[in-house]
Amino acid sequence: MKELWKHLKDSKKPIVLYGMGNGADKIIKVLEDYGIKYSGVFASDGFVRDKIFHGFKISSYSYLKEQLGEMIVLLCFGSSRAEVIDNILKISSENEFYAPDVPVIGGELFTEEYVREHSKELEWVYGLLADDLSRRTFENTIKYKLSGKIDYLMDCETDPEEPYESFLKLSDKESFLDLGAYNGDTVTDFVNRTNGYRKITAVEPDFKTFKKLVRNTGNLKNTECINAVISSFCGEGTFSMKHGRNSSALGGGTPVRFTTVDALAGSDGVTYIKMDIEGEELNAVAGAADTIRRHSPKMLISCYHRTEDITAIPKAVNDIKKDYRLYMRHFRSLPAWDTNYYFI
């Protein structure tokens, strides 16, 4: 399978970018590194503005289609909203269309060379996967990352209900640790899936989002909200607060408390951990070693922030405890966000 960047380099069709912002900045950087030129930038109709982005006036899709004819469209933002994905699918039905895989955190790309260098690790993870859907999701994720073709993601996506029906059985005795609790949406989802629980600990580092979390969970019993970054150590550090996927513990920012899963779980432990923490997942696993060894909590760990997550996260957990069953699921979103490992 030919990787996307080499295909774009060889193609004679004009290349245009769909979307702007941080995602487009990252894709433009890769295009420039490969010496690939692009011919325009467009936004969805409701977002077309009299604005210049990287030297191009923001156009509409219809205008560029009329001007350029056959073209290659690169998706430069992410979404799971149904109406947005419907529009993406419409555009992709009319053009050669790709959603380049660029990591949310870090700069290493998932290329043919990367696959060759990490083939043993990829094969090892594949051998750990517990069911056919996990194996198909893993295979399709790799094919998508190399090719940028969204059909691979669409082919393996599943409904968010499916893990709960198949293997993620929640009881009324759960102690839930929500890492990356955002505004409380995943806390609400957890509460709606149980007939009671022992405790909820919801952790969110971003100050503004944390205020929303506190407000939105204020009526829940036995619930504690903590404003901190989850990592491999307890202490003080800095966090770049950008109220979303661009937030990061890298690159400086605002002073904030850092803590670990082990410190929060204490001697009582926890039974279910959700980690979606913008690239800090590996550090969080390191800081959860005692909890994992002693209590074997069920874990949902996002694996799409860094290129190495697809192999490094299973290895990190396996190095601590080897008897977990490993599942992989992708929920509808483009690009490959909302792709998660489950350790059961």
C-alpha atoms as a PDB file:
ATOM      1  CA  MET A   1       0.000   0.000   0.000  1.00  0.00           C
ATOM      2  CA  LYS A   2       1.450   3.358  -1.077  1.00  0.00           C
ATOM      3  CA  GLU A   3       1.548   5.940   1.677  1.00  0.00           C
ATOM      4  CA  LEU A   4      -0.463   9.110   1.182  1.00  0.00           C
ATOM      5  CA  TRP A   5       2.420  11.584   1.133  1.00  0.00           C
ATOM      6  CA  LYS A   6       4.217   9.725  -1.669  1.00  0.00           C
ATOM      7  CA  HIS A   7       0.987   9.534  -3.650  1.00  0.00           C
ATOM      8  CA  LEU A   8       0.414  13.274  -3.283  1.00  0.00           C
ATOM      9  CA  LYS A   9       3.991  13.941  -4.331  1.00  0.00           C
ATOM     10  CA  ASP A  10       3.480  11.943  -7.535  1.00  0.00           C
ATOM     11  CA  SER A  11      -0.032  13.164  -8.375  1.00  0.00           C
ATOM     12  CA  LYS A  12      -0.664  15.686 -11.162  1.00  0.00           C
ATOM     13  CA  LYS A  13      -4.052  16.806  -9.816  1.00  0.00           C
ATOM     14  CA  PRO A  14      -4.336  20.116  -7.925  1.00  0.00           C
ATOM     15  CA  ILE A  15      -4.465  19.634  -4.159  1.00  0.00           C
ATOM     16  CA  VAL A  16      -6.771  21.723  -1.963  1.00  0.00           C
ATOM     17  CA  LEU A  17      -7.223  21.861   1.779  1.00  0.00           C
ATOM     18  CA  TYR A  18     -10.620  21.560   3.452  1.00  0.00           C
ATOM     19  CA  GLY A  19     -10.472  23.490   6.711  1.00  0.00           C
ATOM     20  CA  MET A  20      -8.045  25.742   8.524  1.00  0.00           C
ATOM     21  CA  GLY A  21      -6.592  26.119  11.989  1.00  0.00           C
ATOM     22  CA  ASN A  22      -4.194  23.899  13.892  1.00  0.00           C
ATOM     23  CA  GLY A  23      -4.962  20.760  11.886  1.00  0.00           C
ATOM     24  CA  ALA A  24      -4.328  22.551   8.600  1.00  0.00           C
ATOM     25  CA  ASP A  25      -1.104  24.043   9.985  1.00  0.00           C
ATOM     26  CA  LYS A  26       0.215  20.548  10.741  1.00  0.00           C
ATOM     27  CA  ILE A  27      -0.740  19.165   7.341  1.00  0.00           C
ATOM     28  CA  ILE A  28       0.787  22.158   5.552  1.00  0.00           C
ATOM     29  CA  LYS A  29       4.026  21.574   7.456  1.00  0.00           C
ATOM     30  CA  VAL A  30       4.165  17.972   6.195  1.00  0.00           C
ATOM     31  CA  LEU A  31       3.310  19.029   2.643  1.00  0.00           C
ATOM     32  CA  GLU A  32       6.142  21.556   2.756  1.00  0.00           C
ATOM     33  CA  ASP A  33       8.561  18.958   4.159  1.00  0.00           C
ATOM     34  CA  TYR A  34       7.736  16.672   1.206  1.00  0.00           C
ATOM     35  CA  GLY A  35       7.844  19.522  -1.307  1.00  0.00           C
ATOM     36  CA  ILE A  36       4.161  19.091  -2.166  1.00  0.00           C
ATOM     37  CA  LYS A  37       2.339  22.175  -3.438  1.00  0.00           C
ATOM     38  CA  TYR A  38      -1.340  22.911  -2.843  1.00  0.00           C
ATOM     39  CA  SER A  39      -3.640  25.187  -4.800  1.00  0.00           C
ATOM     40  CA  GLY A  40      -6.257  26.501  -2.403  1.00  0.00           C
ATOM     41  CA  VAL A  41      -8.106  26.348   0.882  1.00  0.00           C
ATOM     42  CA  PHE A  42     -11.855  26.113   1.360  1.00  0.00           C
ATOM     43  CA  ALA A  43     -14.233  26.035   4.295  1.00  0.00           C
ATOM     44  CA  SER A  44     -17.783  24.809   4.743  1.00  0.00           C
ATOM     45  CA  ASP A  45     -20.284  27.297   3.369  1.00  0.00           C
ATOM     46  CA  GLY A  46     -21.189  28.722   6.760  1.00  0.00           C
ATOM     47  CA  PHE A  47     -17.521  29.413   7.567  1.00  0.00           C
ATOM     48  CA  VAL A  48     -16.333  31.121   4.383  1.00  0.00           C
ATOM     49  CA  ARG A  49     -14.898  34.487   5.398  1.00  0.00           C
ATOM     50  CA  ASP A  50     -12.918  37.260   3.762  1.00  0.00           C
ATOM     51  CA  LYS A  51      -9.748  35.858   5.293  1.00  0.00           C
ATOM     52  CA  ILE A  52      -6.257  34.878   4.183  1.00  0.00           C
ATOM     53  CA  PHE A  53      -4.797  31.579   5.425  1.00  0.00           C
ATOM     54  CA  HIS A  54      -1.190  30.716   4.546  1.00  0.00           C
ATOM     55  CA  GLY A  55      -1.370  33.106   1.613  1.00  0.00           C
ATOM     56  CA  PHE A  56      -4.663  31.771   0.215  1.00  0.00           C
ATOM     57  CA  LYS A  57      -8.022  33.488   0.365  1.00  0.00           C
ATOM     58  CA  ILE A  58     -10.554  31.172   1.982  1.00  0.00           C
ATOM     59  CA  SER A  59     -12.864  29.946  -0.781  1.00  0.00           C
ATOM     60  CA  SER A  60     -16.007  27.880  -0.984  1.00  0.00           C
ATOM     61  CA  TYR A  61     -15.934  24.283  -2.167  1.00  0.00           C
ATOM     62  CA  SER A  62     -18.113  25.085  -5.177  1.00  0.00           C
ATOM     63  CA  TYR A  63     -15.791  27.906  -6.282  1.00  0.00           C
ATOM     64  CA  LEU A  64     -12.642  25.746  -6.186  1.00  0.00           C
ATOM     65  CA  LYS A  65     -14.462  22.868  -7.879  1.00  0.00           C
ATOM     66  CA  GLU A  66     -15.512  25.189 -10.676  1.00  0.00           C
ATOM     67  CA  GLN A  67     -12.022  26.674 -11.001  1.00  0.00           C
ATOM     68  CA  LEU A  68      -9.947  23.488 -10.720  1.00  0.00           C
ATOM     69  CA  GLY A  69     -12.174  20.641 -11.904  1.00  0.00           C
ATOM     70  CA  GLU A  70     -10.713  17.291 -10.838  1.00  0.00           C
ATOM     71  CA  MET A  71      -8.834  17.848  -7.598  1.00  0.00           C
ATOM     72  CA  ILE A  72      -7.553  16.118  -4.495  1.00  0.00           C
ATOM     73  CA  VAL A  73      -9.182  17.266  -1.259  1.00  0.00           C
ATOM     74  CA  LEU A  74      -7.359  16.913   2.076  1.00  0.00           C
ATOM     75  CA  LEU A  75      -9.454  17.048   5.243  1.00  0.00           C
ATOM     76  CA  CYS A  76      -7.720  19.354   7.745  1.00  0.00           C
ATOM     77  CA  PHE A  77      -9.995  19.219  10.792  1.00  0.00           C
ATOM     78  CA  GLY A  78     -11.747  16.634  12.896  1.00  0.00           C
ATOM     79  CA  SER A  79     -15.382  16.076  13.731  1.00  0.00           C
ATOM     80  CA  SER A  80     -17.855  13.457  14.893  1.00  0.00           C
ATOM     81  CA  ARG A  81     -20.961  15.556  14.196  1.00  0.00           C
ATOM     82  CA  ALA A  82     -23.360  13.788  11.861  1.00  0.00           C
ATOM     83  CA  GLU A  83     -24.081  16.796   9.654  1.00  0.00           C
ATOM     84  CA  VAL A  84     -20.359  17.535   9.235  1.00  0.00           C
ATOM     85  CA  ILE A  85     -19.529  13.939   8.338  1.00  0.00           C
ATOM     86  CA  ASP A  86     -22.437  13.856   5.889  1.00  0.00           C
ATOM     87  CA  ASN A  87     -20.940  16.887   4.132  1.00  0.00           C
ATOM     88  CA  ILE A  88     -17.481  15.264   4.150  1.00  0.00           C
ATOM     89  CA  LEU A  89     -18.934  12.140   2.539  1.00  0.00           C
ATOM     90  CA  LYS A  90     -20.664  14.229  -0.130  1.00  0.00           C
ATOM     91  CA  ILE A  91     -17.406  15.988  -1.021  1.00  0.00           C
ATOM     92  CA  SER A  92     -15.509  12.693  -0.974  1.00  0.00           C
ATOM     93  CA  SER A  93     -18.007  11.179  -3.419  1.00  0.00           C
ATOM     94  CA  GLU A  94     -17.131  13.914  -5.948  1.00  0.00           C
ATOM     95  CA  ASN A  95     -13.340  14.050  -5.556  1.00  0.00           C
ATOM     96  CA  GLU A  96     -10.253  12.090  -4.727  1.00  0.00           C
ATOM     97  CA  PHE A  97     -10.392  12.628  -0.965  1.00  0.00           C
ATOM     98  CA  TYR A  98      -8.074  11.922   1.984  1.00  0.00           C
ATOM     99  CA  ALA A  99      -7.927  12.649   5.699  1.00  0.00           C
ATOM    100  CA  PRO A 100      -4.167  12.787   6.391  1.00  0.00           C
ATOM    101  CA  ASP A 101      -3.090  11.187   9.640  1.00  0.00           C
ATOM    102  CA  VAL A 102      -1.030  13.726  11.559  1.00  0.00           C
ATOM    103  CA  PRO A 103      -0.613  13.143  15.301  1.00  0.00           C
ATOM    104  CA  VAL A 104      -2.386  15.397  17.781  1.00  0.00           C
ATOM    105  CA  ILE A 105       0.837  15.432  19.846  1.00  0.00           C
ATOM    106  CA  GLY A 106       4.349  14.956  18.502  1.00  0.00           C
ATOM    107  CA  GLY A 107       5.688  15.052  14.977  1.00  0.00           C
ATOM    108  CA  GLU A 108       6.446  11.445  14.015  1.00  0.00           C
ATOM    109  CA  LEU A 109       4.324  10.283  11.079  1.00  0.00           C
ATOM    110  CA  PHE A 110       2.877   6.823  10.511  1.00  0.00           C
ATOM    111  CA  THR A 111       4.668   6.020   7.240  1.00  0.00           C
ATOM    112  CA  GLU A 112       5.820   2.924   5.361  1.00  0.00           C
ATOM    113  CA  GLU A 113       9.190   3.348   7.042  1.00  0.00           C
ATOM    114  CA  TYR A 114       7.546   3.577  10.472  1.00  0.00           C
ATOM    115  CA  VAL A 115       5.655   0.331   9.821  1.00  0.00           C
ATOM    116  CA  ARG A 116       8.856  -1.450   8.772  1.00  0.00           C
ATOM    117  CA  GLU A 117      10.712  -0.228  11.846  1.00  0.00           C
ATOM    118  CA  HIS A 118       7.904  -1.224  14.204  1.00  0.00           C
ATOM    119  CA  SER A 119       6.594  -4.338  12.458  1.00  0.00           C
ATOM    120  CA  LYS A 120       7.371  -6.640  15.393  1.00  0.00           C
ATOM    121  CA  GLU A 121       5.571  -4.398  17.879  1.00  0.00           C
ATOM    122  CA  LEU A 122       2.555  -4.100  15.560  1.00  0.00           C
ATOM    123  CA  GLU A 123       2.394  -7.866  15.108  1.00  0.00           C
ATOM    124  CA  TRP A 124       2.708  -8.365  18.873  1.00  0.00           C
ATOM    125  CA  VAL A 125      -0.226  -6.050  19.605  1.00  0.00           C
ATOM    126  CA  TYR A 126      -2.308  -7.724  16.894  1.00  0.00           C
ATOM    127  CA  GLY A 127      -1.688 -11.044  18.624  1.00  0.00           C
ATOM    128  CA  LEU A 128      -3.004  -9.656  21.926  1.00  0.00           C
ATOM    129  CA  LEU A 129      -6.360  -8.496  20.565  1.00  0.00           C
ATOM    130  CA  ALA A 130      -9.292 -10.390  22.023  1.00  0.00           C
ATOM    131  CA  ASP A 131     -11.891 -10.490  19.228  1.00  0.00           C
ATOM    132  CA  ASP A 132     -12.402 -10.219  15.478  1.00  0.00           C
ATOM    133  CA  LEU A 133     -13.717  -6.648  15.595  1.00  0.00           C
ATOM    134  CA  SER A 134     -10.616  -5.543  17.489  1.00  0.00           C
ATOM    135  CA  ARG A 135      -8.384  -7.159  14.893  1.00  0.00           C
ATOM    136  CA  ARG A 136     -10.311  -5.575  12.022  1.00  0.00           C
ATOM    137  CA  THR A 137     -10.193  -2.196  13.734  1.00  0.00           C
ATOM    138  CA  PHE A 138      -6.445  -2.527  14.228  1.00  0.00           C
ATOM    139  CA  GLU A 139      -5.841  -3.554  10.610  1.00  0.00           C
ATOM    140  CA  ASN A 140      -8.070  -0.807   9.216  1.00  0.00           C
ATOM    141  CA  THR A 141      -6.510   1.814  11.457  1.00  0.00           C
ATOM    142  CA  ILE A 142      -3.074   0.964  10.080  1.00  0.00           C
ATOM    143  CA  LYS A 143      -4.363   1.009   6.490  1.00  0.00           C
ATOM    144  CA  TYR A 144      -6.041   4.364   7.117  1.00  0.00           C
ATOM    145  CA  LYS A 145      -2.956   5.873   8.723  1.00  0.00           C
ATOM    146  CA  LEU A 146      -0.836   4.915   5.720  1.00  0.00           C
ATOM    147  CA  SER A 147      -3.285   5.824   2.970  1.00  0.00           C
ATOM    148  CA  GLY A 148      -5.463   8.584   4.424  1.00  0.00           C
ATOM    149  CA  LYS A 149      -8.503   6.801   2.944  1.00  0.00           C
ATOM    150  CA  ILE A 150     -11.539   7.344   5.143  1.00  0.00           C
ATOM    151  CA  ASP A 151     -13.279   4.183   3.878  1.00  0.00           C
ATOM    152  CA  TYR A 152     -11.047   2.136   6.170  1.00  0.00           C
ATOM    153  CA  LEU A 153     -12.324   4.026   9.210  1.00  0.00           C
ATOM    154  CA  MET A 154     -15.947   3.896   8.106  1.00  0.00           C
ATOM    155  CA  ASP A 155     -15.642   0.134   7.630  1.00  0.00           C
ATOM    156  CA  CYS A 156     -14.598  -0.575  11.220  1.00  0.00           C
ATOM    157  CA  GLU A 157     -16.551   2.012  13.191  1.00  0.00           C
ATOM    158  CA  THR A 158     -18.962   0.808  15.827  1.00  0.00           C
ATOM    159  CA  ASP A 159     -21.712   2.270  17.954  1.00  0.00           C
ATOM    160  CA  PRO A 160     -20.594   3.587  21.379  1.00  0.00           C
ATOM    161  CA  GLU A 161     -23.099   1.203  22.963  1.00  0.00           C
ATOM    162  CA  GLU A 162     -21.326  -1.876  21.639  1.00  0.00           C
ATOM    163  CA  PRO A 163     -18.426  -2.107  24.163  1.00  0.00           C
ATOM    164  CA  TYR A 164     -20.886  -1.960  27.061  1.00  0.00           C
ATOM    165  CA  GLU A 165     -22.951  -4.743  25.532  1.00  0.00           C
ATOM    166  CA  SER A 166     -19.953  -6.890  24.570  1.00  0.00           C
ATOM    167  CA  PHE A 167     -17.403  -6.684  27.377  1.00  0.00           C
ATOM    168  CA  LEU A 168     -17.475  -3.452  29.429  1.00  0.00           C
ATOM    169  CA  LYS A 169     -19.967  -4.534  32.051  1.00  0.00           C
ATOM    170  CA  LEU A 170     -20.590  -1.834  34.671  1.00  0.00           C
ATOM    171  CA  SER A 171     -22.079  -2.674  38.078  1.00  0.00           C
ATOM    172  CA  ASP A 172     -23.520  -0.536  40.860  1.00  0.00           C
ATOM    173  CA  LYS A 173     -20.245  -0.949  42.794  1.00  0.00           C
ATOM    174  CA  GLU A 174     -17.968   0.947  40.418  1.00  0.00           C
ATOM    175  CA  SER A 175     -15.439   3.517  41.555  1.00  0.00           C
ATOM    176  CA  PHE A 176     -14.942   5.550  38.371  1.00  0.00           C
ATOM    177  CA  LEU A 177     -11.838   7.624  37.676  1.00  0.00           C
ATOM    178  CA  ASP A 178     -12.520   9.937  34.719  1.00  0.00           C
ATOM    179  CA  LEU A 179      -9.241  11.357  33.426  1.00  0.00           C
ATOM    180  CA  GLY A 180      -9.861  14.135  30.953  1.00  0.00           C
ATOM    181  CA  ALA A 181     -13.386  14.682  32.251  1.00  0.00           C
ATOM    182  CA  TYR A 182     -13.859  17.815  30.098  1.00  0.00           C
ATOM    183  CA  ASN A 183     -17.198  19.440  30.986  1.00  0.00           C
ATOM    184  CA  GLY A 184     -18.704  16.342  32.602  1.00  0.00           C
ATOM    185  CA  ASP A 185     -20.100  14.668  29.490  1.00  0.00           C
ATOM    186  CA  THR A 186     -18.400  11.339  30.169  1.00  0.00           C
ATOM    187  CA  VAL A 187     -19.369  11.489  33.855  1.00  0.00           C
ATOM    188  CA  THR A 188     -22.989  11.908  32.784  1.00  0.00           C
ATOM    189  CA  ASP A 189     -22.648   9.008  30.360  1.00  0.00           C
ATOM    190  CA  PHE A 190     -21.224   6.799  33.127  1.00  0.00           C
ATOM    191  CA  VAL A 191     -24.031   7.693  35.541  1.00  0.00           C
ATOM    192  CA  ASN A 192     -26.648   6.938  32.894  1.00  0.00           C
ATOM    193  CA  ARG A 193     -25.166   3.472  32.359  1.00  0.00           C
ATOM    194  CA  THR A 194     -25.258   2.381  35.994  1.00  0.00           C
ATOM    195  CA  ASN A 195     -27.905   1.858  38.666  1.00  0.00           C
ATOM    196  CA  GLY A 196     -25.602   3.453  41.219  1.00  0.00           C
ATOM    197  CA  TYR A 197     -21.897   3.618  41.984  1.00  0.00           C
ATOM    198  CA  ARG A 198     -19.488   3.926  44.886  1.00  0.00           C
ATOM    199  CA  LYS A 199     -17.602   7.026  43.787  1.00  0.00           C
ATOM    200  CA  ILE A 200     -16.714   9.241  40.847  1.00  0.00           C
ATOM    201  CA  THR A 201     -13.438  11.146  40.670  1.00  0.00           C
ATOM    202  CA  ALA A 202     -13.361  13.508  37.696  1.00  0.00           C
ATOM    203  CA  VAL A 203     -10.054  15.132  36.717  1.00  0.00           C
ATOM    204  CA  GLU A 204      -9.695  18.051  34.296  1.00  0.00           C
ATOM    205  CA  PRO A 205      -6.617  20.316  33.988  1.00  0.00           C
ATOM    206  CA  ASP A 206      -8.050  23.250  32.038  1.00  0.00           C
ATOM    207  CA  PHE A 207      -9.303  25.964  34.436  1.00  0.00           C
ATOM    208  CA  LYS A 208     -12.253  27.190  32.349  1.00  0.00           C
ATOM    209  CA  THR A 209     -13.392  23.704  31.437  1.00  0.00           C
ATOM    210  CA  PHE A 210     -12.973  22.598  35.052  1.00  0.00           C
ATOM    211  CA  LYS A 211     -15.488  25.243  36.148  1.00  0.00           C
ATOM    212  CA  LYS A 212     -18.019  23.768  33.717  1.00  0.00           C
ATOM    213  CA  LEU A 213     -17.237  20.283  35.039  1.00  0.00           C
ATOM    214  CA  VAL A 214     -17.919  21.376  38.619  1.00  0.00           C
ATOM    215  CA  ARG A 215     -21.147  23.097  37.603  1.00  0.00           C
ATOM    216  CA  ASN A 216     -22.410  20.186  35.511  1.00  0.00           C
ATOM    217  CA  THR A 217     -21.701  17.527  38.156  1.00  0.00           C
ATOM    218  CA  GLY A 218     -22.753  19.510  41.198  1.00  0.00           C
ATOM    219  CA  ASN A 219     -25.932  17.496  41.730  1.00  0.00           C
ATOM    220  CA  LEU A 220     -24.219  14.097  41.733  1.00  0.00           C
ATOM    221  CA  LYS A 221     -23.572  12.201  44.945  1.00  0.00           C
ATOM    222  CA  ASN A 222     -20.118  10.893  45.924  1.00  0.00           C
ATOM    223  CA  THR A 223     -18.445  12.886  43.162  1.00  0.00           C
ATOM    224  CA  GLU A 224     -15.150  14.740  43.491  1.00  0.00           C
ATOM    225  CA  CYS A 225     -13.767  17.089  40.835  1.00  0.00           C
ATOM    226  CA  ILE A 226     -10.010  17.698  40.740  1.00  0.00           C
ATOM    227  CA  ASN A 227      -8.221  20.404  38.756  1.00  0.00           C
ATOM    228  CA  ALA A 228      -4.948  18.703  37.824  1.00  0.00           C
ATOM    229  CA  VAL A 229      -2.872  17.096  35.097  1.00  0.00           C
ATOM    230  CA  ILE A 230      -2.610  13.311  35.341  1.00  0.00           C
ATOM    231  CA  SER A 231       0.959  12.165  34.776  1.00  0.00           C
ATOM    232  CA  SER A 232       3.728   9.977  36.173  1.00  0.00           C
ATOM    233  CA  PHE A 233       4.574  12.200  39.154  1.00  0.00           C
ATOM    234  CA  CYS A 234       2.999  14.351  41.843  1.00  0.00           C
ATOM    235  CA  GLY A 235       4.055  17.974  42.059  1.00  0.00           C
ATOM    236  CA  GLU A 236       3.848  21.202  40.114  1.00  0.00           C
ATOM    237  CA  GLY A 237       4.238  21.750  36.398  1.00  0.00           C
ATOM    238  CA  THR A 238       2.884  23.823  33.530  1.00  0.00           C
ATOM    239  CA  PHE A 239       0.015  23.149  31.175  1.00  0.00           C
ATOM    240  CA  SER A 240      -0.936  24.831  27.908  1.00  0.00           C
ATOM    241  CA  MET A 241      -4.629  25.591  28.374  1.00  0.00           C
ATOM    242  CA  LYS A 242      -6.384  25.806  25.026  1.00  0.00           C
ATOM    243  CA  HIS A 243      -9.782  24.424  26.040  1.00  0.00           C
ATOM    244  CA  GLY A 244      -9.769  21.384  23.781  1.00  0.00           C
ATOM    245  CA  ARG A 245      -7.639  18.941  21.814  1.00  0.00           C
ATOM    246  CA  ASN A 246      -4.772  21.405  21.549  1.00  0.00           C
ATOM    247  CA  SER A 247      -4.303  21.557  25.309  1.00  0.00           C
ATOM    248  CA  SER A 248      -1.074  19.914  26.361  1.00  0.00           C
ATOM    249  CA  ALA A 249       1.394  19.382  29.172  1.00  0.00           C
ATOM    250  CA  LEU A 250       4.153  20.157  26.653  1.00  0.00           C
ATOM    251  CA  GLY A 251       5.581  23.521  25.758  1.00  0.00           C
ATOM    252  CA  GLY A 252       5.024  25.488  28.936  1.00  0.00           C
ATOM    253  CA  GLY A 253       1.927  27.417  29.916  1.00  0.00           C
ATOM    254  CA  THR A 254       0.039  27.903  33.181  1.00  0.00           C
ATOM    255  CA  PRO A 255       1.274  26.487  36.516  1.00  0.00           C
ATOM    256  CA  VAL A 256      -0.941  23.600  37.581  1.00  0.00           C
ATOM    257  CA  ARG A 257      -0.960  20.619  39.913  1.00  0.00           C
ATOM    258  CA  PHE A 258       0.311  17.292  38.554  1.00  0.00           C
ATOM    259  CA  THR A 259      -0.793  14.035  40.171  1.00  0.00           C
ATOM    260  CA  THR A 260      -0.970  10.301  39.510  1.00  0.00           C
ATOM    261  CA  VAL A 261      -3.636   7.630  39.365  1.00  0.00           C
ATOM    262  CA  ASP A 262      -1.981   5.871  42.295  1.00  0.00           C
ATOM    263  CA  ALA A 263      -2.228   9.020  44.421  1.00  0.00           C
ATOM    264  CA  LEU A 264      -5.903   9.488  43.582  1.00  0.00           C
ATOM    265  CA  ALA A 265      -6.904   5.838  43.884  1.00  0.00           C
ATOM    266  CA  GLY A 266      -5.218   5.322  47.247  1.00  0.00           C
ATOM    267  CA  SER A 267      -5.444   2.034  49.084  1.00  0.00           C
ATOM    268  CA  ASP A 268      -9.099   1.481  48.139  1.00  0.00           C
ATOM    269  CA  GLY A 269      -8.292   1.545  44.439  1.00  0.00           C
ATOM    270  CA  VAL A 270     -10.699   2.125  41.570  1.00  0.00           C
ATOM    271  CA  THR A 271     -12.643  -0.283  39.353  1.00  0.00           C
ATOM    272  CA  TYR A 272     -12.906   1.663  36.080  1.00  0.00           C
ATOM    273  CA  ILE A 273     -10.557   4.261  34.571  1.00  0.00           C
ATOM    274  CA  LYS A 274     -11.140   6.337  31.444  1.00  0.00           C
ATOM    275  CA  MET A 275      -8.027   8.053  30.022  1.00  0.00           C
ATOM    276  CA  ASP A 276      -8.448  10.611  27.250  1.00  0.00           C
ATOM    277  CA  ILE A 277      -5.775  13.108  28.243  1.00  0.00           C
ATOM    278  CA  GLU A 278      -4.278  14.643  25.126  1.00  0.00           C
ATOM    279  CA  GLY A 279      -1.105  12.608  24.822  1.00  0.00           C
ATOM    280  CA  GLU A 280      -0.380  12.052  28.524  1.00  0.00           C
ATOM    281  CA  GLU A 281      -1.751   8.499  28.460  1.00  0.00           C
ATOM    282  CA  LEU A 282       1.636   6.781  28.687  1.00  0.00           C
ATOM    283  CA  ASN A 283       2.677   8.928  31.630  1.00  0.00           C
ATOM    284  CA  ALA A 284      -0.665   8.234  33.272  1.00  0.00           C
ATOM    285  CA  VAL A 285      -0.168   4.472  32.903  1.00  0.00           C
ATOM    286  CA  ALA A 286       3.271   4.805  34.507  1.00  0.00           C
ATOM    287  CA  GLY A 287       1.667   6.644  37.415  1.00  0.00           C
ATOM    288  CA  ALA A 288      -0.996   3.946  37.747  1.00  0.00           C
ATOM    289  CA  ALA A 289       1.319   0.942  38.083  1.00  0.00           C
ATOM    290  CA  ASP A 290       0.442   0.123  41.695  1.00  0.00           C
ATOM    291  CA  THR A 291      -3.304   0.507  41.077  1.00  0.00           C
ATOM    292  CA  ILE A 292      -3.139  -1.715  37.988  1.00  0.00           C
ATOM    293  CA  ARG A 293      -1.132  -4.417  39.777  1.00  0.00           C
ATOM    294  CA  ARG A 294      -3.250  -4.455  42.927  1.00  0.00           C
ATOM    295  CA  HIS A 295      -6.772  -3.767  41.666  1.00  0.00           C
ATOM    296  CA  SER A 296      -6.881  -4.647  37.926  1.00  0.00           C
ATOM    297  CA  PRO A 297      -9.320  -1.855  37.031  1.00  0.00           C
ATOM    298  CA  LYS A 298     -11.149  -1.924  33.719  1.00  0.00           C
ATOM    299  CA  MET A 299      -9.521   0.751  31.535  1.00  0.00           C
ATOM    300  CA  LEU A 300     -10.516   2.712  28.458  1.00  0.00           C
ATOM    301  CA  ILE A 301      -7.381   4.377  27.065  1.00  0.00           C
ATOM    302  CA  SER A 302      -7.469   6.606  23.984  1.00  0.00           C
ATOM    303  CA  CYS A 303      -4.806   5.630  21.461  1.00  0.00           C
ATOM    304  CA  TYR A 304      -4.941   8.328  18.779  1.00  0.00           C
ATOM    305  CA  HIS A 305      -2.992  11.283  20.198  1.00  0.00           C
ATOM    306  CA  ARG A 306       0.546  10.125  19.396  1.00  0.00           C
ATOM    307  CA  THR A 307       1.775   7.974  16.531  1.00  0.00           C
ATOM    308  CA  GLU A 308       3.427   5.537  18.949  1.00  0.00           C
ATOM    309  CA  ASP A 309       0.264   5.067  21.050  1.00  0.00           C
ATOM    310  CA  ILE A 310      -0.959   2.155  18.940  1.00  0.00           C
ATOM    311  CA  THR A 311       1.885  -0.044  20.211  1.00  0.00           C
ATOM    312  CA  ALA A 312       3.305   1.793  23.227  1.00  0.00           C
ATOM    313  CA  ILE A 313       0.102   1.828  25.296  1.00  0.00           C
ATOM    314  CA  PRO A 314      -0.506  -1.955  25.187  1.00  0.00           C
ATOM    315  CA  LYS A 315       3.168  -2.544  25.963  1.00  0.00           C
ATOM    316  CA  ALA A 316       3.099  -0.154  28.944  1.00  0.00           C
ATOM    317  CA  VAL A 317       0.069  -1.894  30.455  1.00  0.00           C
ATOM    318  CA  ASN A 318       1.382  -5.374  29.650  1.00  0.00           C
ATOM    319  CA  ASP A 319       4.686  -4.591  31.334  1.00  0.00           C
ATOM    320  CA  ILE A 320       2.732  -3.936  34.534  1.00  0.00           C
ATOM    321  CA  LYS A 321       0.120  -6.691  34.318  1.00  0.00           C
ATOM    322  CA  LYS A 322      -0.050  -9.384  31.653  1.00  0.00           C
ATOM    323  CA  ASP A 323      -3.493 -10.911  32.093  1.00  0.00           C
ATOM    324  CA  TYR A 324      -5.706  -8.158  30.657  1.00  0.00           C
ATOM    325  CA  ARG A 325      -7.878  -8.909  27.646  1.00  0.00           C
ATOM    326  CA  LEU A 326      -7.303  -6.204  25.023  1.00  0.00           C
ATOM    327  CA  TYR A 327     -10.036  -4.763  22.794  1.00  0.00           C
ATOM    328  CA  MET A 328      -9.909  -1.928  20.252  1.00  0.00           C
ATOM    329  CA  ARG A 329     -12.858   0.145  19.042  1.00  0.00           C
ATOM    330  CA  HIS A 330     -13.316   3.142  16.744  1.00  0.00           C
ATOM    331  CA  PHE A 331     -16.423   5.322  16.991  1.00  0.00           C
ATOM    332  CA  ARG A 332     -17.582   7.518  14.119  1.00  0.00           C
ATOM    333  CA  SER A 333     -15.240  10.463  13.750  1.00  0.00           C
ATOM    334  CA  LEU A 334     -12.908  11.779  11.093  1.00  0.00           C
ATOM    335  CA  PRO A 335      -9.933  11.581  11.161  1.00  0.00           C
ATOM    336  CA  ALA A 336      -9.192   8.624  13.480  1.00  0.00           C
ATOM    337  CA  TRP A 337     -10.101  10.364  16.729  1.00  0.00           C
ATOM    338  CA  ASP A 338     -12.222   8.434  19.203  1.00  0.00           C
ATOM    339  CA  THR A 339     -10.173   5.287  18.758  1.00  0.00           C
ATOM    340  CA  ASN A 340      -9.672   3.513  22.058  1.00  0.00           C
ATOM    341  CA  TYR A 341      -8.128   0.487  23.676  1.00  0.00           C
ATOM    342  CA  TYR A 342     -10.056  -1.336  26.389  1.00  0.00           C
ATOM    343  CA  PHE A 343      -8.224  -3.384  29.008  1.00  0.00           C
ATOM    344  CA  ILE A 344     -10.595  -5.817  30.714  1.00  0.00           C
END
